Amino acid sequence: MGRRVFILGTLFWMMTNAAVIAFVTGQSADDISPGSFSLFLTTASLSLVSLLMLGTKRLHDIGMPGPVSVLLLLPAFSLILFFVLCVWPSVEDDNRYGPGPDLRSS
């Protein structure tokens, strides 16, 4: 996965979470329904899993092991690692995880 797909996937989940948070917090504190709260938990869980998978695939394309993506969960490292994943170029040749994103057949 190249940088563009990683950034677009991350932006998708950021916008989805922002919309759900706006919907849930737009209600008064006494009126937050269990359905709204479960919607929030569902989207938060899905985005967390998806972002870990996006991070793992991006790390593989720069030649690093996937378990490093767990650092995306730690507040001290998440912004730094996200920035690195957005700007670090992919490996141009094959690596141990497969061909680079520009070499894959469409």
N, C-alpha and C. Protein backbone atom coordinates (compact mmCIF):
# COMPACT_ATOMS: atom_id res chain seq x y z
N MET A 1 0.85 -1.17 0.00
CA MET A 1 0.00 0.00 0.00
C MET A 1 0.89 1.23 0.00
N GLY A 2 0.65 2.08 -0.93
CA GLY A 2 1.43 3.31 -1.02
C GLY A 2 0.97 4.36 -0.02
N ARG A 3 1.66 5.47 -0.04
CA ARG A 3 1.34 6.55 0.89
C ARG A 3 -0.05 7.10 0.66
N ARG A 4 -0.44 7.24 -0.60
CA ARG A 4 -1.73 7.84 -0.91
C ARG A 4 -2.89 7.02 -0.34
N VAL A 5 -2.83 5.71 -0.53
CA VAL A 5 -3.91 4.84 -0.02
C VAL A 5 -3.93 4.87 1.51
N PHE A 6 -2.75 4.88 2.12
CA PHE A 6 -2.68 4.95 3.59
C PHE A 6 -3.31 6.24 4.10
N ILE A 7 -2.97 7.35 3.50
CA ILE A 7 -3.50 8.64 3.94
C ILE A 7 -5.00 8.72 3.71
N LEU A 8 -5.46 8.25 2.54
CA LEU A 8 -6.90 8.30 2.26
C LEU A 8 -7.69 7.38 3.18
N GLY A 9 -7.16 6.20 3.48
CA GLY A 9 -7.83 5.29 4.41
C GLY A 9 -7.92 5.87 5.80
N THR A 10 -6.84 6.50 6.24
CA THR A 10 -6.83 7.13 7.56
C THR A 10 -7.80 8.30 7.61
N LEU A 11 -7.82 9.12 6.56
CA LEU A 11 -8.76 10.24 6.53
C LEU A 11 -10.21 9.77 6.52
N PHE A 12 -10.49 8.67 5.84
CA PHE A 12 -11.85 8.12 5.84
C PHE A 12 -12.28 7.80 7.26
N TRP A 13 -11.44 7.11 8.02
CA TRP A 13 -11.83 6.74 9.38
C TRP A 13 -11.89 7.95 10.30
N MET A 14 -11.04 8.96 10.06
CA MET A 14 -11.10 10.17 10.88
C MET A 14 -12.43 10.89 10.65
N MET A 15 -12.86 10.98 9.38
CA MET A 15 -14.13 11.65 9.09
C MET A 15 -15.32 10.85 9.61
N THR A 16 -15.26 9.53 9.49
CA THR A 16 -16.34 8.69 10.01
C THR A 16 -16.47 8.84 11.51
N ASN A 17 -15.35 8.78 12.21
CA ASN A 17 -15.39 8.94 13.67
C ASN A 17 -15.86 10.33 14.07
N ALA A 18 -15.43 11.35 13.34
CA ALA A 18 -15.86 12.71 13.66
C ALA A 18 -17.37 12.86 13.48
N ALA A 19 -17.92 12.26 12.42
CA ALA A 19 -19.36 12.34 12.21
C ALA A 19 -20.13 11.62 13.32
N VAL A 20 -19.64 10.45 13.72
CA VAL A 20 -20.33 9.71 14.78
C VAL A 20 -20.22 10.46 16.11
N ILE A 21 -19.06 11.00 16.41
CA ILE A 21 -18.90 11.76 17.66
C ILE A 21 -19.80 12.99 17.64
N ALA A 22 -19.90 13.68 16.50
CA ALA A 22 -20.78 14.85 16.40
C ALA A 22 -22.23 14.44 16.60
N PHE A 23 -22.61 13.29 16.06
CA PHE A 23 -23.99 12.81 16.23
C PHE A 23 -24.28 12.47 17.69
N VAL A 24 -23.36 11.77 18.32
CA VAL A 24 -23.58 11.33 19.70
C VAL A 24 -23.54 12.52 20.66
N THR A 25 -22.60 13.42 20.49
CA THR A 25 -22.49 14.54 21.43
C THR A 25 -23.47 15.66 21.11
N GLY A 26 -24.12 15.61 19.96
CA GLY A 26 -25.11 16.62 19.61
C GLY A 26 -26.38 16.47 20.43
N GLN A 27 -26.54 15.33 21.05
CA GLN A 27 -27.70 15.10 21.90
C GLN A 27 -27.36 15.60 23.31
N SER A 28 -28.37 15.91 24.09
CA SER A 28 -28.09 16.31 25.47
C SER A 28 -27.58 15.10 26.25
N ALA A 29 -26.86 15.35 27.31
CA ALA A 29 -26.22 14.28 28.08
C ALA A 29 -27.25 13.30 28.65
N ASP A 30 -28.43 13.78 28.94
CA ASP A 30 -29.47 12.89 29.49
C ASP A 30 -30.14 12.05 28.42
N ASP A 31 -30.04 12.49 27.16
CA ASP A 31 -30.75 11.81 26.08
C ASP A 31 -29.90 10.88 25.24
N ILE A 32 -28.65 10.64 25.62
CA ILE A 32 -27.81 9.73 24.83
C ILE A 32 -28.35 8.32 24.98
N SER A 33 -28.78 7.78 23.88
CA SER A 33 -29.42 6.46 23.91
C SER A 33 -28.36 5.36 23.86
N PRO A 34 -28.73 4.18 24.31
CA PRO A 34 -27.80 3.05 24.21
C PRO A 34 -27.44 2.74 22.75
N GLY A 35 -28.35 3.01 21.83
CA GLY A 35 -28.07 2.80 20.41
C GLY A 35 -26.98 3.73 19.90
N SER A 36 -27.01 4.99 20.34
CA SER A 36 -25.98 5.94 19.94
C SER A 36 -24.62 5.54 20.51
N PHE A 37 -24.64 5.11 21.75
CA PHE A 37 -23.39 4.70 22.38
C PHE A 37 -22.82 3.44 21.71
N SER A 38 -23.69 2.51 21.35
CA SER A 38 -23.20 1.30 20.67
C SER A 38 -22.72 1.63 19.27
N LEU A 39 -23.34 2.62 18.60
CA LEU A 39 -22.85 3.08 17.31
C LEU A 39 -21.43 3.63 17.45
N PHE A 40 -21.21 4.43 18.49
CA PHE A 40 -19.88 4.98 18.75
C PHE A 40 -18.87 3.87 19.01
N LEU A 41 -19.21 2.91 19.86
CA LEU A 41 -18.28 1.81 20.16
C LEU A 41 -17.99 0.96 18.93
N THR A 42 -18.99 0.74 18.11
CA THR A 42 -18.80 -0.06 16.89
C THR A 42 -17.86 0.64 15.92
N THR A 43 -18.11 1.91 15.64
CA THR A 43 -17.24 2.61 14.70
C THR A 43 -15.83 2.79 15.26
N ALA A 44 -15.72 3.03 16.56
CA ALA A 44 -14.39 3.16 17.16
C ALA A 44 -13.62 1.84 17.06
N SER A 45 -14.30 0.72 17.30
CA SER A 45 -13.64 -0.59 17.20
C SER A 45 -13.24 -0.90 15.77
N LEU A 46 -14.15 -0.65 14.84
CA LEU A 46 -13.83 -0.91 13.43
C LEU A 46 -12.69 -0.04 12.94
N SER A 47 -12.68 1.22 13.34
CA SER A 47 -11.60 2.10 12.89
C SER A 47 -10.28 1.70 13.51
N LEU A 48 -10.28 1.26 14.76
CA LEU A 48 -9.05 0.83 15.40
C LEU A 48 -8.44 -0.37 14.69
N VAL A 49 -9.27 -1.37 14.40
CA VAL A 49 -8.78 -2.56 13.70
C VAL A 49 -8.32 -2.19 12.30
N SER A 50 -9.10 -1.37 11.61
CA SER A 50 -8.74 -0.98 10.24
C SER A 50 -7.45 -0.18 10.21
N LEU A 51 -7.27 0.74 11.15
CA LEU A 51 -6.05 1.54 11.18
C LEU A 51 -4.83 0.69 11.51
N LEU A 52 -4.99 -0.32 12.36
CA LEU A 52 -3.88 -1.23 12.62
C LEU A 52 -3.52 -2.03 11.37
N MET A 53 -4.53 -2.44 10.61
CA MET A 53 -4.26 -3.17 9.36
C MET A 53 -3.62 -2.25 8.32
N LEU A 54 -4.11 -1.02 8.20
CA LEU A 54 -3.50 -0.06 7.29
C LEU A 54 -2.04 0.20 7.67
N GLY A 55 -1.80 0.38 8.96
CA GLY A 55 -0.44 0.61 9.43
C GLY A 55 0.47 -0.57 9.16
N THR A 56 -0.04 -1.78 9.36
CA THR A 56 0.75 -2.99 9.10
C THR A 56 1.11 -3.09 7.63
N LYS A 57 0.14 -2.88 6.75
CA LYS A 57 0.42 -2.95 5.31
C LYS A 57 1.40 -1.87 4.89
N ARG A 58 1.27 -0.68 5.43
CA ARG A 58 2.19 0.41 5.08
C ARG A 58 3.59 0.10 5.59
N LEU A 59 3.70 -0.43 6.80
CA LEU A 59 5.00 -0.81 7.34
C LEU A 59 5.64 -1.90 6.48
N HIS A 60 4.85 -2.84 6.00
CA HIS A 60 5.40 -3.88 5.13
C HIS A 60 5.96 -3.28 3.85
N ASP A 61 5.31 -2.26 3.32
CA ASP A 61 5.79 -1.65 2.08
C ASP A 61 7.04 -0.81 2.26
N ILE A 62 7.34 -0.40 3.48
CA ILE A 62 8.60 0.29 3.68
C ILE A 62 9.66 -0.66 4.24
N GLY A 63 9.31 -1.96 4.31
CA GLY A 63 10.29 -2.98 4.70
C GLY A 63 10.43 -3.21 6.19
N MET A 64 9.46 -2.77 6.97
CA MET A 64 9.52 -2.96 8.41
C MET A 64 8.49 -4.00 8.84
N PRO A 65 8.70 -4.64 9.99
CA PRO A 65 7.75 -5.65 10.46
C PRO A 65 6.43 -5.02 10.89
N GLY A 66 5.34 -5.75 10.70
CA GLY A 66 4.01 -5.27 11.01
C GLY A 66 3.72 -4.99 12.47
N PRO A 67 4.30 -5.78 13.42
CA PRO A 67 3.98 -5.50 14.83
C PRO A 67 4.37 -4.10 15.31
N VAL A 68 5.17 -3.39 14.55
CA VAL A 68 5.50 -2.00 14.92
C VAL A 68 4.23 -1.14 14.89
N SER A 69 3.21 -1.58 14.16
CA SER A 69 1.97 -0.80 14.07
C SER A 69 1.28 -0.65 15.42
N VAL A 70 1.62 -1.49 16.39
CA VAL A 70 1.04 -1.36 17.73
C VAL A 70 1.44 -0.01 18.35
N LEU A 71 2.56 0.55 17.89
CA LEU A 71 2.96 1.87 18.39
C LEU A 71 1.95 2.95 18.02
N LEU A 72 1.10 2.68 17.01
CA LEU A 72 0.06 3.64 16.66
C LEU A 72 -0.97 3.79 17.78
N LEU A 73 -1.00 2.85 18.70
CA LEU A 73 -1.95 2.91 19.82
C LEU A 73 -1.41 3.72 20.99
N LEU A 74 -0.11 3.93 21.03
CA LEU A 74 0.51 4.66 22.14
C LEU A 74 0.56 6.15 21.81
N PRO A 75 -0.05 6.98 22.65
CA PRO A 75 -0.12 8.41 22.34
C PRO A 75 1.24 9.06 22.11
N ALA A 76 2.26 8.64 22.80
CA ALA A 76 3.57 9.26 22.64
C ALA A 76 4.18 8.98 21.27
N PHE A 77 3.85 7.85 20.67
CA PHE A 77 4.46 7.46 19.41
C PHE A 77 3.52 7.59 18.21
N SER A 78 2.23 7.69 18.44
CA SER A 78 1.27 7.60 17.34
C SER A 78 1.43 8.71 16.31
N LEU A 79 1.57 9.95 16.75
CA LEU A 79 1.71 11.05 15.79
C LEU A 79 3.02 10.97 15.03
N ILE A 80 4.08 10.60 15.73
CA ILE A 80 5.38 10.48 15.07
C ILE A 80 5.35 9.36 14.04
N LEU A 81 4.84 8.19 14.43
CA LEU A 81 4.78 7.07 13.50
C LEU A 81 3.84 7.36 12.34
N PHE A 82 2.72 8.01 12.60
CA PHE A 82 1.80 8.37 11.52
C PHE A 82 2.49 9.29 10.52
N PHE A 83 3.21 10.27 11.00
CA PHE A 83 3.94 11.19 10.11
C PHE A 83 4.98 10.43 9.30
N VAL A 84 5.72 9.53 9.95
CA VAL A 84 6.73 8.74 9.25
C VAL A 84 6.09 7.88 8.16
N LEU A 85 4.96 7.25 8.46
CA LEU A 85 4.28 6.41 7.48
C LEU A 85 3.73 7.22 6.32
N CYS A 86 3.41 8.48 6.56
CA CYS A 86 2.88 9.33 5.49
C CYS A 86 3.98 9.83 4.55
N VAL A 87 5.19 10.01 5.04
CA VAL A 87 6.23 10.60 4.20
C VAL A 87 7.30 9.62 3.74
N TRP A 88 7.48 8.51 4.44
CA TRP A 88 8.53 7.57 4.08
C TRP A 88 8.19 6.87 2.76
N PRO A 89 9.08 6.89 1.77
CA PRO A 89 8.76 6.24 0.49
C PRO A 89 8.77 4.72 0.60
N SER A 90 8.00 4.08 -0.26
CA SER A 90 7.96 2.62 -0.28
C SER A 90 9.26 2.07 -0.85
N VAL A 91 9.55 0.82 -0.49
CA VAL A 91 10.70 0.14 -1.06
C VAL A 91 10.40 -0.10 -2.54
N GLU A 92 11.32 0.25 -3.42
CA GLU A 92 11.05 0.14 -4.85
C GLU A 92 11.10 -1.30 -5.35
N ASP A 93 11.96 -2.12 -4.79
CA ASP A 93 12.09 -3.51 -5.22
C ASP A 93 11.27 -4.41 -4.32
N ASP A 94 11.31 -5.71 -4.64
CA ASP A 94 10.65 -6.69 -3.79
C ASP A 94 11.29 -6.69 -2.41
N ASN A 95 10.47 -6.89 -1.38
CA ASN A 95 10.99 -7.09 -0.04
C ASN A 95 10.43 -8.41 0.47
N ARG A 96 10.67 -8.74 1.72
CA ARG A 96 10.23 -10.05 2.22
C ARG A 96 8.72 -10.16 2.33
N TYR A 97 8.00 -9.06 2.16
CA TYR A 97 6.54 -9.08 2.23
C TYR A 97 5.89 -9.08 0.86
N GLY A 98 6.66 -9.01 -0.20
CA GLY A 98 6.13 -9.03 -1.55
C GLY A 98 6.65 -7.86 -2.36
N PRO A 99 6.10 -7.67 -3.56
CA PRO A 99 6.56 -6.57 -4.41
C PRO A 99 6.11 -5.22 -3.85
N GLY A 100 6.83 -4.18 -4.24
CA GLY A 100 6.47 -2.82 -3.84
C GLY A 100 5.15 -2.42 -4.46
N PRO A 101 4.49 -1.36 -3.96
CA PRO A 101 3.17 -0.99 -4.46
C PRO A 101 3.19 -0.56 -5.92
N ASP A 102 4.31 -0.06 -6.43
CA ASP A 102 4.37 0.36 -7.82
C ASP A 102 4.62 -0.80 -8.76
N LEU A 103 5.04 -1.95 -8.22
CA LEU A 103 5.36 -3.10 -9.06
C LEU A 103 4.22 -4.10 -9.16
N ARG A 104 3.18 -3.92 -8.38
CA ARG A 104 2.06 -4.87 -8.40
C ARG A 104 1.27 -4.69 -9.68
N SER A 105 0.80 -5.81 -10.21
CA SER A 105 -0.05 -5.71 -11.42
C SER A 105 -1.45 -5.29 -11.00
N SER A 106 -2.11 -4.53 -11.85
CA SER A 106 -3.45 -4.05 -11.52
C SER A 106 -4.50 -5.03 -11.95
